[in-house]
Amino acid sequence: MPIYEFQCADCSEKKEILFRSSDEKVEMKCDKCGSENLQRVLSSTNFSIPGGAGSDASKATCQSHTCSGGSCATYDIPGPR
C-alpha cells in the first residue's frame, strides 16, 4: 500500500495519499483550496548512517546502470542485513 505525496499547483499545499490498490478510486483534491490540480512530488527522506569516516559507513557504493527509462542507480549501504 504505497503512500504518495502530492503538491497543489494552485496553492502549493502538500498532501499524502494512501493507495490501497491500483483499482481504488481516490479523491485527488487539495484539502486547503479544493483544487484538483495536484502534481506528484518526490518525498523527502531522512536517515543517517552511524560511524563516519573509517567505519563501514564510508564503504557505501553507487553503481550506475542504463535502463529502459534512462539511467538508474543502485546504492549498497553496509549495515545489518
C-alpha atoms as a PDB file:
ATOM      1  CA  MET A   1       0.000   0.000   0.000  1.00  0.00           C
ATOM      2  CA  PRO A   2       2.084   2.922  -1.215  1.00  0.00           C
ATOM      3  CA  ILE A   3       1.710   6.428   0.108  1.00  0.00           C
ATOM      4  CA  TYR A   4       2.391   9.145  -2.461  1.00  0.00           C
ATOM      5  CA  GLU A   5       2.953  12.843  -1.811  1.00  0.00           C
ATOM      6  CA  PHE A   6       1.256  15.441  -4.000  1.00  0.00           C
ATOM      7  CA  GLN A   7       1.515  19.227  -4.194  1.00  0.00           C
ATOM      8  CA  CYS A   8      -1.292  21.514  -5.273  1.00  0.00           C
ATOM      9  CA  ALA A   9      -0.273  23.507  -8.358  1.00  0.00           C
ATOM     10  CA  ASP A  10      -2.614  26.322  -7.291  1.00  0.00           C
ATOM     11  CA  CYS A  11      -1.747  26.934  -3.615  1.00  0.00           C
ATOM     12  CA  SER A  12       1.428  24.765  -3.096  1.00  0.00           C
ATOM     13  CA  GLU A  13      -0.172  22.788  -0.230  1.00  0.00           C
ATOM     14  CA  LYS A  14       1.263  19.267   0.119  1.00  0.00           C
ATOM     15  CA  LYS A  15      -0.837  16.179   0.767  1.00  0.00           C
ATOM     16  CA  GLU A  16      -0.098  12.469   1.249  1.00  0.00           C
ATOM     17  CA  ILE A  17      -2.491   9.957  -0.323  1.00  0.00           C
ATOM     18  CA  LEU A  18      -2.614   6.238   0.508  1.00  0.00           C
ATOM     19  CA  PHE A  19      -3.415   3.911  -2.368  1.00  0.00           C
ATOM     20  CA  ARG A  20      -4.769   0.566  -1.131  1.00  0.00           C
ATOM     21  CA  SER A  21      -4.915  -0.945  -4.646  1.00  0.00           C
ATOM     22  CA  SER A  22      -4.380   0.132  -8.243  1.00  0.00           C
ATOM     23  CA  ASP A  23      -8.139  -0.149  -8.899  1.00  0.00           C
ATOM     24  CA  GLU A  24      -9.197   2.054  -5.974  1.00  0.00           C
ATOM     25  CA  LYS A  25     -10.788   5.419  -6.774  1.00  0.00           C
ATOM     26  CA  VAL A  26      -9.032   8.067  -4.674  1.00  0.00           C
ATOM     27  CA  GLU A  27     -10.188  11.663  -4.283  1.00  0.00           C
ATOM     28  CA  MET A  28      -7.437  13.808  -5.795  1.00  0.00           C
ATOM     29  CA  LYS A  29      -8.391  17.153  -4.281  1.00  0.00           C
ATOM     30  CA  CYS A  30      -6.438  19.753  -2.298  1.00  0.00           C
ATOM     31  CA  ASP A  31      -7.567  19.938   1.332  1.00  0.00           C
ATOM     32  CA  LYS A  32      -6.742  23.654   1.529  1.00  0.00           C
ATOM     33  CA  CYS A  33      -8.203  25.206  -1.648  1.00  0.00           C
ATOM     34  CA  GLY A  34     -10.230  22.353  -3.165  1.00  0.00           C
ATOM     35  CA  SER A  35      -8.316  22.350  -6.456  1.00  0.00           C
ATOM     36  CA  GLU A  36      -7.983  19.080  -8.378  1.00  0.00           C
ATOM     37  CA  ASN A  37      -4.711  20.292  -9.946  1.00  0.00           C
ATOM     38  CA  LEU A  38      -2.341  18.069  -7.916  1.00  0.00           C
ATOM     39  CA  GLN A  39       1.125  17.002  -9.039  1.00  0.00           C
ATOM     40  CA  ARG A  40       3.059  14.089  -7.593  1.00  0.00           C
ATOM     41  CA  VAL A  41       6.314  15.138  -5.909  1.00  0.00           C
ATOM     42  CA  LEU A  42       9.352  13.248  -4.724  1.00  0.00           C
ATOM     43  CA  SER A  43       9.057  12.875  -0.956  1.00  0.00           C
ATOM     44  CA  SER A  44      11.996  13.843   1.213  1.00  0.00           C
ATOM     45  CA  THR A  45      13.627  11.213   3.326  1.00  0.00           C
ATOM     46  CA  ASN A  46      15.842  11.407   6.348  1.00  0.00           C
ATOM     47  CA  PHE A  47      18.259   8.760   7.561  1.00  0.00           C
ATOM     48  CA  SER A  48      21.751   8.602   8.964  1.00  0.00           C
ATOM     49  CA  ILE A  49      24.487   6.025   8.901  1.00  0.00           C
ATOM     50  CA  PRO A  50      26.270   5.700  12.240  1.00  0.00           C
ATOM     51  CA  GLY A  51      30.038   5.749  12.249  1.00  0.00           C
ATOM     52  CA  GLY A  52      31.521   8.056   9.672  1.00  0.00           C
ATOM     53  CA  ALA A  53      34.964   8.078   8.092  1.00  0.00           C
ATOM     54  CA  GLY A  54      36.881   4.868   8.664  1.00  0.00           C
ATOM     55  CA  SER A  55      33.791   2.827   9.502  1.00  0.00           C
ATOM     56  CA  ASP A  56      31.560   0.677   7.292  1.00  0.00           C
ATOM     57  CA  ALA A  57      29.546   3.818   6.521  1.00  0.00           C
ATOM     58  CA  SER A  58      32.424   5.140   4.439  1.00  0.00           C
ATOM     59  CA  LYS A  59      32.258   1.964   2.296  1.00  0.00           C
ATOM     60  CA  ALA A  60      28.884   2.777   0.699  1.00  0.00           C
ATOM     61  CA  THR A  61      28.968   2.356  -3.071  1.00  0.00           C
ATOM     62  CA  CYS A  62      26.875   3.508  -6.012  1.00  0.00           C
ATOM     63  CA  GLN A  63      26.601   1.759  -9.366  1.00  0.00           C
ATOM     64  CA  SER A  64      25.058   3.437 -12.418  1.00  0.00           C
ATOM     65  CA  HIS A  65      23.059   1.418 -14.943  1.00  0.00           C
ATOM     66  CA  THR A  66      21.347   2.107 -18.238  1.00  0.00           C
ATOM     67  CA  CYS A  67      17.657   1.192 -18.035  1.00  0.00           C
ATOM     68  CA  SER A  68      14.775   1.369 -20.494  1.00  0.00           C
ATOM     69  CA  GLY A  69      13.656   4.633 -18.878  1.00  0.00           C
ATOM     70  CA  GLY A  70      17.103   6.253 -18.949  1.00  0.00           C
ATOM     71  CA  SER A  71      19.696   5.816 -16.247  1.00  0.00           C
ATOM     72  CA  CYS A  72      19.310   4.199 -12.830  1.00  0.00           C
ATOM     73  CA  ALA A  73      21.499   3.892  -9.760  1.00  0.00           C
ATOM     74  CA  THR A  74      21.889   1.116  -7.206  1.00  0.00           C
ATOM     75  CA  TYR A  75      23.209   2.001  -3.758  1.00  0.00           C
ATOM     76  CA  ASP A  76      24.849  -0.550  -1.490  1.00  0.00           C
ATOM     77  CA  ILE A  77      24.924   0.754   2.068  1.00  0.00           C
ATOM     78  CA  PRO A  78      26.709  -1.535   4.526  1.00  0.00           C
ATOM     79  CA  GLY A  79      24.942  -2.492   7.695  1.00  0.00           C
ATOM     80  CA  PRO A  80      22.889  -5.239   9.284  1.00  0.00           C
ATOM     81  CA  ARG A  81      21.028  -7.398   6.772  1.00  0.00           C
END
